[in-house]
Structures are given as C-alpha cells and as structure tokens.
C-alpha cells in the first residue's frame, strides 16, 4: 500500500525479505505447504540456471520505508491458502 500511495518512479522495486533462498529449498517448501504428493523432476540436461536467489530490497526501504515483516514460509503459506480458496 505504501508503494502504491507514495512511489511514483519508473525504477522497479523488489519486495521481499532480502534473504538468500536456495531454489531447491524453495521448491521443497512449496511442495510441503501445498501438500504436493507428486514427483519433482529437475531437468539435469539443461544449464544449471540460478541455484539460489536473493533480492536487493534496499530501494523499497529507501523510497517508502518497506521492510518485510512476514517470513518467506508464512508468505508462501498465506499465498497458497488464498489460491486454494479462490481458484
């Protein structure tokens, strides 16, 4: 809401907690929270891609004082619950 109300620039702003996450751990967390019972298959014949991800969230704090107060797991849980209720 702060960004919508007070940020009127064209530069992108990353919203998140700014902590590094390993993609494999992210996939496993989403599978667990969504109670996915299938098989996760990695395309090992493709380039490795990005094994981890970390957002630079400094612009969000500098421009409108945003600092994440929700953990990644809680945010994922809430997103999955919302999706399941509204799908």
PDB file of N, CA and C in Angstrom:
ATOM      1  N   UNK A   1       0.829  -1.185   0.000  1.00  0.00           N
ATOM      2  CA  UNK A   1       0.000   0.000   0.000  1.00  0.00           C
ATOM      3  C   UNK A   1       0.882   1.259   0.000  1.00  0.00           C
ATOM      4  N   UNK A   2       1.973   1.197   0.754  1.00  0.00           N
ATOM      5  CA  UNK A   2       2.884   2.354   0.786  1.00  0.00           C
ATOM      6  C   UNK A   2       3.426   2.655  -0.602  1.00  0.00           C
ATOM      7  N   UNK A   3       3.777   1.620  -1.345  1.00  0.00           N
ATOM      8  CA  UNK A   3       4.330   1.823  -2.687  1.00  0.00           C
ATOM      9  C   UNK A   3       3.276   2.426  -3.603  1.00  0.00           C
ATOM     10  N   UNK A   4       2.071   1.916  -3.557  1.00  0.00           N
ATOM     11  CA  UNK A   4       1.008   2.430  -4.418  1.00  0.00           C
ATOM     12  C   UNK A   4       0.675   3.873  -4.086  1.00  0.00           C
ATOM     13  N   UNK A   5       0.747   4.217  -2.817  1.00  0.00           N
ATOM     14  CA  UNK A   5       0.378   5.571  -2.389  1.00  0.00           C
ATOM     15  C   UNK A   5       1.502   6.583  -2.579  1.00  0.00           C
ATOM     16  N   UNK A   6       2.749   6.149  -2.468  1.00  0.00           N
ATOM     17  CA  UNK A   6       3.806   7.141  -2.437  1.00  0.00           C
ATOM     18  C   UNK A   6       4.989   6.945  -3.348  1.00  0.00           C
ATOM     19  N   UNK A   7       4.957   5.922  -4.188  1.00  0.00           N
ATOM     20  CA  UNK A   7       6.093   5.683  -5.070  1.00  0.00           C
ATOM     21  C   UNK A   7       5.658   5.955  -6.498  1.00  0.00           C
ATOM     22  N   UNK A   8       6.183   7.015  -7.085  1.00  0.00           N
ATOM     23  CA  UNK A   8       5.782   7.421  -8.426  1.00  0.00           C
ATOM     24  C   UNK A   8       7.001   7.512  -9.338  1.00  0.00           C
ATOM     25  N   UNK A   9       7.827   6.460  -9.330  1.00  0.00           N
ATOM     26  CA  UNK A   9       9.023   6.419 -10.163  1.00  0.00           C
ATOM     27  C   UNK A   9       8.956   5.194 -11.067  1.00  0.00           C
ATOM     28  N   UNK A  10       9.778   5.183 -12.093  1.00  0.00           N
ATOM     29  CA  UNK A  10       9.737   4.068 -13.048  1.00  0.00           C
ATOM     30  C   UNK A  10      10.689   2.932 -12.698  1.00  0.00           C
ATOM     31  N   UNK A  11      11.624   3.164 -11.782  1.00  0.00           N
ATOM     32  CA  UNK A  11      12.555   2.098 -11.410  1.00  0.00           C
ATOM     33  C   UNK A  11      11.824   0.994 -10.655  1.00  0.00           C
ATOM     34  N   UNK A  12      12.124  -0.276 -10.984  1.00  0.00           N
ATOM     35  CA  UNK A  12      11.471  -1.383 -10.276  1.00  0.00           C
ATOM     36  C   UNK A  12      11.900  -1.442  -8.812  1.00  0.00           C
ATOM     37  N   UNK A  13      11.030  -1.986  -7.991  1.00  0.00           N
ATOM     38  CA  UNK A  13      11.302  -2.134  -6.565  1.00  0.00           C
ATOM     39  C   UNK A  13      11.035  -3.588  -6.184  1.00  0.00           C
ATOM     40  N   UNK A  14      12.008  -4.226  -5.576  1.00  0.00           N
ATOM     41  CA  UNK A  14      11.842  -5.595  -5.103  1.00  0.00           C
ATOM     42  C   UNK A  14      11.222  -5.590  -3.716  1.00  0.00           C
ATOM     43  N   UNK A  15      10.156  -6.367  -3.553  1.00  0.00           N
ATOM     44  CA  UNK A  15       9.538  -6.533  -2.242  1.00  0.00           C
ATOM     45  C   UNK A  15       9.822  -7.952  -1.779  1.00  0.00           C
ATOM     46  N   UNK A  16      10.387  -8.084  -0.627  1.00  0.00           N
ATOM     47  CA  UNK A  16      10.740  -9.389  -0.083  1.00  0.00           C
ATOM     48  C   UNK A  16      11.560  -9.174   1.173  1.00  0.00           C
ATOM     49  N   UNK A  17      12.078 -10.274   1.719  1.00  0.00           N
ATOM     50  CA  UNK A  17      12.829 -10.138   2.964  1.00  0.00           C
ATOM     51  C   UNK A  17      14.322  -9.948   2.729  1.00  0.00           C
ATOM     52  N   UNK A  18      14.782 -10.041   1.487  1.00  0.00           N
ATOM     53  CA  UNK A  18      16.186  -9.805   1.190  1.00  0.00           C
ATOM     54  C   UNK A  18      17.124 -10.923   1.604  1.00  0.00           C
ATOM     55  N   UNK A  19      16.575 -12.050   2.020  1.00  0.00           N
ATOM     56  CA  UNK A  19      17.418 -13.183   2.415  1.00  0.00           C
ATOM     57  C   UNK A  19      17.578 -14.138   1.243  1.00  0.00           C
ATOM     58  N   UNK A  20      18.752 -14.729   1.149  1.00  0.00           N
ATOM     59  CA  UNK A  20      19.012 -15.685   0.078  1.00  0.00           C
ATOM     60  C   UNK A  20      18.195 -16.947   0.290  1.00  0.00           C
ATOM     61  N   UNK A  21      17.690 -17.502  -0.805  1.00  0.00           N
ATOM     62  CA  UNK A  21      16.962 -18.764  -0.737  1.00  0.00           C
ATOM     63  C   UNK A  21      17.508 -19.682  -1.830  1.00  0.00           C
ATOM     64  N   UNK A  22      17.759 -20.916  -1.457  1.00  0.00           N
ATOM     65  CA  UNK A  22      18.195 -21.930  -2.407  1.00  0.00           C
ATOM     66  C   UNK A  22      16.949 -22.428  -3.130  1.00  0.00           C
ATOM     67  N   UNK A  23      16.978 -22.446  -4.460  1.00  0.00           N
ATOM     68  CA  UNK A  23      15.800 -22.802  -5.251  1.00  0.00           C
ATOM     69  C   UNK A  23      15.275 -24.185  -4.867  1.00  0.00           C
ATOM     70  N   UNK A  24      16.157 -25.137  -4.639  1.00  0.00           N
ATOM     71  CA  UNK A  24      15.730 -26.484  -4.226  1.00  0.00           C
ATOM     72  C   UNK A  24      14.942 -26.418  -2.914  1.00  0.00           C
ATOM     73  N   UNK A  25      15.411 -25.630  -1.960  1.00  0.00           N
ATOM     74  CA  UNK A  25      14.700 -25.477  -0.685  1.00  0.00           C
ATOM     75  C   UNK A  25      13.343 -24.807  -0.902  1.00  0.00           C
ATOM     76  N   UNK A  26      13.290 -23.834  -1.787  1.00  0.00           N
ATOM     77  CA  UNK A  26      12.034 -23.151  -2.089  1.00  0.00           C
ATOM     78  C   UNK A  26      11.023 -24.134  -2.670  1.00  0.00           C
ATOM     79  N   UNK A  27      11.461 -24.943  -3.624  1.00  0.00           N
ATOM     80  CA  UNK A  27      10.575 -25.941  -4.230  1.00  0.00           C
ATOM     81  C   UNK A  27      10.077 -26.922  -3.177  1.00  0.00           C
ATOM     82  N   UNK A  28      10.966 -27.392  -2.327  1.00  0.00           N
ATOM     83  CA  UNK A  28      10.571 -28.344  -1.283  1.00  0.00           C
ATOM     84  C   UNK A  28       9.593 -27.714  -0.296  1.00  0.00           C
ATOM     85  N   UNK A  29       9.784 -26.452   0.033  1.00  0.00           N
ATOM     86  CA  UNK A  29       8.866 -25.762   0.950  1.00  0.00           C
ATOM     87  C   UNK A  29       7.493 -25.606   0.321  1.00  0.00           C
ATOM     88  N   UNK A  30       7.446 -25.196  -0.931  1.00  0.00           N
ATOM     89  CA  UNK A  30       6.156 -25.047  -1.625  1.00  0.00           C
ATOM     90  C   UNK A  30       5.459 -26.395  -1.726  1.00  0.00           C
ATOM     91  N   UNK A  31       6.199 -27.452  -2.056  1.00  0.00           N
ATOM     92  CA  UNK A  31       5.605 -28.791  -2.145  1.00  0.00           C
ATOM     93  C   UNK A  31       5.024 -29.215  -0.801  1.00  0.00           C
ATOM     94  N   UNK A  32       5.762 -28.979   0.267  1.00  0.00           N
ATOM     95  CA  UNK A  32       5.285 -29.356   1.611  1.00  0.00           C
ATOM     96  C   UNK A  32       4.045 -28.567   2.001  1.00  0.00           C
ATOM     97  N   UNK A  33       4.088 -27.253   1.824  1.00  0.00           N
ATOM     98  CA  UNK A  33       2.963 -26.413   2.238  1.00  0.00           C
ATOM     99  C   UNK A  33       1.710 -26.666   1.410  1.00  0.00           C
ATOM    100  N   UNK A  34       1.893 -27.015   0.145  1.00  0.00           N
ATOM    101  CA  UNK A  34       0.738 -27.259  -0.722  1.00  0.00           C
ATOM    102  C   UNK A  34       0.317 -28.724  -0.705  1.00  0.00           C
ATOM    103  N   UNK A  35       1.011 -29.516   0.108  1.00  0.00           N
ATOM    104  CA  UNK A  35       0.743 -30.949   0.225  1.00  0.00           C
ATOM    105  C   UNK A  35       0.834 -31.647  -1.129  1.00  0.00           C
ATOM    106  N   UNK A  36       1.793 -31.226  -1.934  1.00  0.00           N
ATOM    107  CA  UNK A  36       2.050 -31.821  -3.235  1.00  0.00           C
ATOM    108  C   UNK A  36       2.593 -33.224  -3.027  1.00  0.00           C
ATOM    109  N   UNK A  37       1.968 -34.197  -3.653  1.00  0.00           N
ATOM    110  CA  UNK A  37       2.371 -35.596  -3.479  1.00  0.00           C
ATOM    111  C   UNK A  37       3.021 -36.159  -4.732  1.00  0.00           C
ATOM    112  N   UNK A  38       3.219 -35.342  -5.736  1.00  0.00           N
ATOM    113  CA  UNK A  38       3.841 -35.793  -6.971  1.00  0.00           C
ATOM    114  C   UNK A  38       5.348 -35.838  -6.856  1.00  0.00           C
ATOM    115  N   UNK A  39       5.968 -35.987  -7.981  1.00  0.00           N
ATOM    116  CA  UNK A  39       7.421 -36.056  -8.044  1.00  0.00           C
ATOM    117  C   UNK A  39       7.961 -34.755  -8.628  1.00  0.00           C
ATOM    118  N   UNK A  40       8.936 -34.181  -7.979  1.00  0.00           N
ATOM    119  CA  UNK A  40       9.624 -33.010  -8.517  1.00  0.00           C
ATOM    120  C   UNK A  40      10.754 -33.542  -9.381  1.00  0.00           C
ATOM    121  N   UNK A  41      10.747 -33.134 -10.644  1.00  0.00           N
ATOM    122  CA  UNK A  41      11.787 -33.588 -11.566  1.00  0.00           C
ATOM    123  C   UNK A  41      12.575 -32.390 -12.051  1.00  0.00           C
ATOM    124  N   UNK A  42      13.880 -32.476 -11.954  1.00  0.00           N
ATOM    125  CA  UNK A  42      14.778 -31.415 -12.401  1.00  0.00           C
ATOM    126  C   UNK A  42      15.300 -31.784 -13.777  1.00  0.00           C
ATOM    127  N   UNK A  43      15.384 -30.808 -14.656  1.00  0.00           N
ATOM    128  CA  UNK A  43      15.921 -31.047 -15.985  1.00  0.00           C
ATOM    129  C   UNK A  43      17.444 -30.957 -15.927  1.00  0.00           C
ATOM    130  N   UNK A  44      18.061 -32.075 -15.646  1.00  0.00           N
ATOM    131  CA  UNK A  44      19.508 -32.089 -15.458  1.00  0.00           C
ATOM    132  C   UNK A  44      20.276 -31.955 -16.765  1.00  0.00           C
ATOM    133  N   UNK A  45      19.582 -32.092 -17.900  1.00  0.00           N
ATOM    134  CA  UNK A  45      20.254 -31.941 -19.196  1.00  0.00           C
ATOM    135  C   UNK A  45      20.305 -30.477 -19.637  1.00  0.00           C
ATOM    136  N   UNK A  46      19.710 -29.601 -18.873  1.00  0.00           N
ATOM    137  CA  UNK A  46      19.693 -28.166 -19.180  1.00  0.00           C
ATOM    138  C   UNK A  46      20.769 -27.453 -18.358  1.00  0.00           C
ATOM    139  N   UNK A  47      21.125 -26.252 -18.751  1.00  0.00           N
ATOM    140  CA  UNK A  47      22.081 -25.487 -17.926  1.00  0.00           C
ATOM    141  C   UNK A  47      21.575 -25.345 -16.496  1.00  0.00           C
ATOM    142  N   UNK A  48      22.505 -25.197 -15.573  1.00  0.00           N
ATOM    143  CA  UNK A  48      22.155 -25.151 -14.154  1.00  0.00           C
ATOM    144  C   UNK A  48      21.218 -24.016 -13.791  1.00  0.00           C
ATOM    145  N   UNK A  49      21.251 -22.936 -14.527  1.00  0.00           N
ATOM    146  CA  UNK A  49      20.395 -21.812 -14.181  1.00  0.00           C
ATOM    147  C   UNK A  49      20.884 -21.142 -12.915  1.00  0.00           C
ATOM    148  N   UNK A  50      19.965 -20.685 -12.122  1.00  0.00           N
ATOM    149  CA  UNK A  50      20.316 -19.960 -10.904  1.00  0.00           C
ATOM    150  C   UNK A  50      19.972 -20.830  -9.700  1.00  0.00           C
ATOM    151  N   UNK A  51      20.971 -21.391  -9.010  1.00  0.00           N
ATOM    152  CA  UNK A  51      20.691 -22.312  -7.905  1.00  0.00           C
ATOM    153  C   UNK A  51      20.154 -21.631  -6.650  1.00  0.00           C
ATOM    154  N   UNK A  52      20.292 -20.317  -6.577  1.00  0.00           N
ATOM    155  CA  UNK A  52      19.770 -19.587  -5.413  1.00  0.00           C
ATOM    156  C   UNK A  52      19.360 -18.201  -5.866  1.00  0.00           C
ATOM    157  N   UNK A  53      18.597 -17.543  -5.017  1.00  0.00           N
ATOM    158  CA  UNK A  53      18.080 -16.228  -5.368  1.00  0.00           C
ATOM    159  C   UNK A  53      18.078 -15.344  -4.128  1.00  0.00           C
ATOM    160  N   UNK A  54      18.418 -14.076  -4.318  1.00  0.00           N
ATOM    161  CA  UNK A  54      18.360 -13.105  -3.233  1.00  0.00           C
ATOM    162  C   UNK A  54      18.002 -11.749  -3.834  1.00  0.00           C
ATOM    163  N   UNK A  55      16.946 -11.151  -3.323  1.00  0.00           N
ATOM    164  CA  UNK A  55      16.513  -9.847  -3.802  1.00  0.00           C
ATOM    165  C   UNK A  55      17.241  -8.728  -3.072  1.00  0.00           C
ATOM    166  N   UNK A  56      17.545  -7.674  -3.811  1.00  0.00           N
ATOM    167  CA  UNK A  56      18.040  -6.450  -3.190  1.00  0.00           C
ATOM    168  C   UNK A  56      16.808  -5.596  -2.890  1.00  0.00           C
ATOM    169  N   UNK A  57      16.454  -5.513  -1.634  1.00  0.00           N
ATOM    170  CA  UNK A  57      15.237  -4.799  -1.232  1.00  0.00           C
ATOM    171  C   UNK A  57      15.533  -3.407  -0.673  1.00  0.00           C
ATOM    172  N   UNK A  58      16.762  -2.934  -0.864  1.00  0.00           N
ATOM    173  CA  UNK A  58      17.147  -1.646  -0.277  1.00  0.00           C
ATOM    174  C   UNK A  58      16.338  -0.478  -0.835  1.00  0.00           C
ATOM    175  N   UNK A  59      15.967  -0.517  -2.117  1.00  0.00           N
ATOM    176  CA  UNK A  59      15.193   0.583  -2.698  1.00  0.00           C
ATOM    177  C   UNK A  59      13.823   0.718  -2.026  1.00  0.00           C
ATOM    178  N   UNK A  60      13.199  -0.395  -1.703  1.00  0.00           N
ATOM    179  CA  UNK A  60      11.895  -0.347  -1.041  1.00  0.00           C
ATOM    180  C   UNK A  60      11.987   0.356   0.312  1.00  0.00           C
ATOM    181  N   UNK A  61      13.070   0.081   1.030  1.00  0.00           N
ATOM    182  CA  UNK A  61      13.236   0.737   2.328  1.00  0.00           C
ATOM    183  C   UNK A  61      13.577   2.217   2.143  1.00  0.00           C
ATOM    184  N   UNK A  62      14.469   2.506   1.211  1.00  0.00           N
ATOM    185  CA  UNK A  62      14.886   3.891   0.975  1.00  0.00           C
ATOM    186  C   UNK A  62      13.737   4.765   0.482  1.00  0.00           C
ATOM    187  N   UNK A  63      12.923   4.246  -0.412  1.00  0.00           N
ATOM    188  CA  UNK A  63      11.896   5.060  -1.063  1.00  0.00           C
ATOM    189  C   UNK A  63      10.596   5.177  -0.274  1.00  0.00           C
ATOM    190  N   UNK A  64      10.196   4.114   0.433  1.00  0.00           N
ATOM    191  CA  UNK A  64       8.932   4.215   1.176  1.00  0.00           C
ATOM    192  C   UNK A  64       8.917   3.414   2.474  1.00  0.00           C
ATOM    193  N   UNK A  65      10.090   3.120   2.996  1.00  0.00           N
ATOM    194  CA  UNK A  65      10.187   2.542   4.332  1.00  0.00           C
ATOM    195  C   UNK A  65       9.712   1.115   4.480  1.00  0.00           C
ATOM    196  N   UNK A  66       9.670   0.361   3.375  1.00  0.00           N
ATOM    197  CA  UNK A  66       9.205  -1.023   3.471  1.00  0.00           C
ATOM    198  C   UNK A  66      10.307  -1.941   3.957  1.00  0.00           C
ATOM    199  N   UNK A  67       9.984  -2.718   4.949  1.00  0.00           N
ATOM    200  CA  UNK A  67      10.847  -3.796   5.416  1.00  0.00           C
ATOM    201  C   UNK A  67       9.917  -4.971   5.718  1.00  0.00           C
ATOM    202  N   UNK A  68      10.204  -6.115   5.141  1.00  0.00           N
ATOM    203  CA  UNK A  68       9.334  -7.285   5.287  1.00  0.00           C
ATOM    204  C   UNK A  68       9.172  -7.679   6.747  1.00  0.00           C
ATOM    205  N   UNK A  69       7.950  -7.968   7.122  1.00  0.00           N
ATOM    206  CA  UNK A  69       7.681  -8.449   8.480  1.00  0.00           C
ATOM    207  C   UNK A  69       7.125  -9.872   8.448  1.00  0.00           C
ATOM    208  N   UNK A  70       6.964 -10.422   7.263  1.00  0.00           N
ATOM    209  CA  UNK A  70       6.452 -11.780   7.092  1.00  0.00           C
ATOM    210  C   UNK A  70       7.579 -12.653   6.568  1.00  0.00           C
ATOM    211  N   UNK A  71       7.758 -13.805   7.168  1.00  0.00           N
ATOM    212  CA  UNK A  71       8.796 -14.715   6.687  1.00  0.00           C
ATOM    213  C   UNK A  71       8.385 -15.299   5.342  1.00  0.00           C
ATOM    214  N   UNK A  72       9.353 -15.807   4.610  1.00  0.00           N
ATOM    215  CA  UNK A  72       9.061 -16.422   3.322  1.00  0.00           C
ATOM    216  C   UNK A  72       8.070 -17.566   3.487  1.00  0.00           C
ATOM    217  N   UNK A  73       8.284 -18.416   4.468  1.00  0.00           N
ATOM    218  CA  UNK A  73       7.379 -19.558   4.658  1.00  0.00           C
ATOM    219  C   UNK A  73       5.966 -19.106   4.999  1.00  0.00           C
ATOM    220  N   UNK A  74       5.818 -18.130   5.875  1.00  0.00           N
ATOM    221  CA  UNK A  74       4.470 -17.631   6.199  1.00  0.00           C
ATOM    222  C   UNK A  74       3.814 -16.985   4.979  1.00  0.00           C
ATOM    223  N   UNK A  75       4.593 -16.241   4.200  1.00  0.00           N
ATOM    224  CA  UNK A  75       4.059 -15.628   2.992  1.00  0.00           C
ATOM    225  C   UNK A  75       3.615 -16.667   1.977  1.00  0.00           C
ATOM    226  N   UNK A  76       4.417 -17.708   1.812  1.00  0.00           N
ATOM    227  CA  UNK A  76       4.035 -18.791   0.909  1.00  0.00           C
ATOM    228  C   UNK A  76       2.775 -19.491   1.404  1.00  0.00           C
ATOM    229  N   UNK A  77       2.714 -19.750   2.706  1.00  0.00           N
ATOM    230  CA  UNK A  77       1.540 -20.411   3.283  1.00  0.00           C
ATOM    231  C   UNK A  77       0.278 -19.593   3.024  1.00  0.00           C
ATOM    232  N   UNK A  78       0.342 -18.294   3.274  1.00  0.00           N
ATOM    233  CA  UNK A  78      -0.814 -17.420   3.056  1.00  0.00           C
ATOM    234  C   UNK A  78      -1.195 -17.357   1.584  1.00  0.00           C
ATOM    235  N   UNK A  79      -0.195 -17.319   0.708  1.00  0.00           N
ATOM    236  CA  UNK A  79      -0.463 -17.282  -0.733  1.00  0.00           C
ATOM    237  C   UNK A  79      -1.139 -18.564  -1.187  1.00  0.00           C
ATOM    238  N   UNK A  80      -0.647 -19.703  -0.727  1.00  0.00           N
ATOM    239  CA  UNK A  80      -1.239 -20.992  -1.090  1.00  0.00           C
ATOM    240  C   UNK A  80      -2.663 -21.089  -0.555  1.00  0.00           C
ATOM    241  N   UNK A  81      -2.885 -20.670   0.692  1.00  0.00           N
ATOM    242  CA  UNK A  81      -4.237 -20.691   1.258  1.00  0.00           C
ATOM    243  C   UNK A  81      -5.176 -19.809   0.453  1.00  0.00           C
ATOM    244  N   UNK A  82      -4.715 -18.607   0.068  1.00  0.00           N
ATOM    245  CA  UNK A  82      -5.557 -17.715  -0.716  1.00  0.00           C
ATOM    246  C   UNK A  82      -5.876 -18.349  -2.071  1.00  0.00           C
ATOM    247  N   UNK A  83      -4.862 -18.910  -2.715  1.00  0.00           N
ATOM    248  CA  UNK A  83      -5.053 -19.526  -4.024  1.00  0.00           C
ATOM    249  C   UNK A  83      -6.064 -20.663  -3.945  1.00  0.00           C
ATOM    250  N   UNK A  84      -5.906 -21.527  -2.956  1.00  0.00           N
ATOM    251  CA  UNK A  84      -6.815 -22.666  -2.819  1.00  0.00           C
ATOM    252  C   UNK A  84      -8.244 -22.221  -2.537  1.00  0.00           C
ATOM    253  N   UNK A  85      -8.410 -21.116  -1.813  1.00  0.00           N
ATOM    254  CA  UNK A  85      -9.756 -20.613  -1.516  1.00  0.00           C
ATOM    255  C   UNK A  85     -10.383 -19.872  -2.692  1.00  0.00           C
ATOM    256  N   UNK A  86      -9.562 -19.366  -3.606  1.00  0.00           N
ATOM    257  CA  UNK A  86     -10.082 -18.524  -4.691  1.00  0.00           C
ATOM    258  C   UNK A  86      -9.872 -19.097  -6.086  1.00  0.00           C
ATOM    259  N   UNK A  87      -9.337 -20.268  -6.192  1.00  0.00           N
ATOM    260  CA  UNK A  87      -9.033 -20.859  -7.501  1.00  0.00           C
ATOM    261  C   UNK A  87     -10.281 -21.262  -8.232  1.00  0.00           C
TER     262      UNK A  87
END
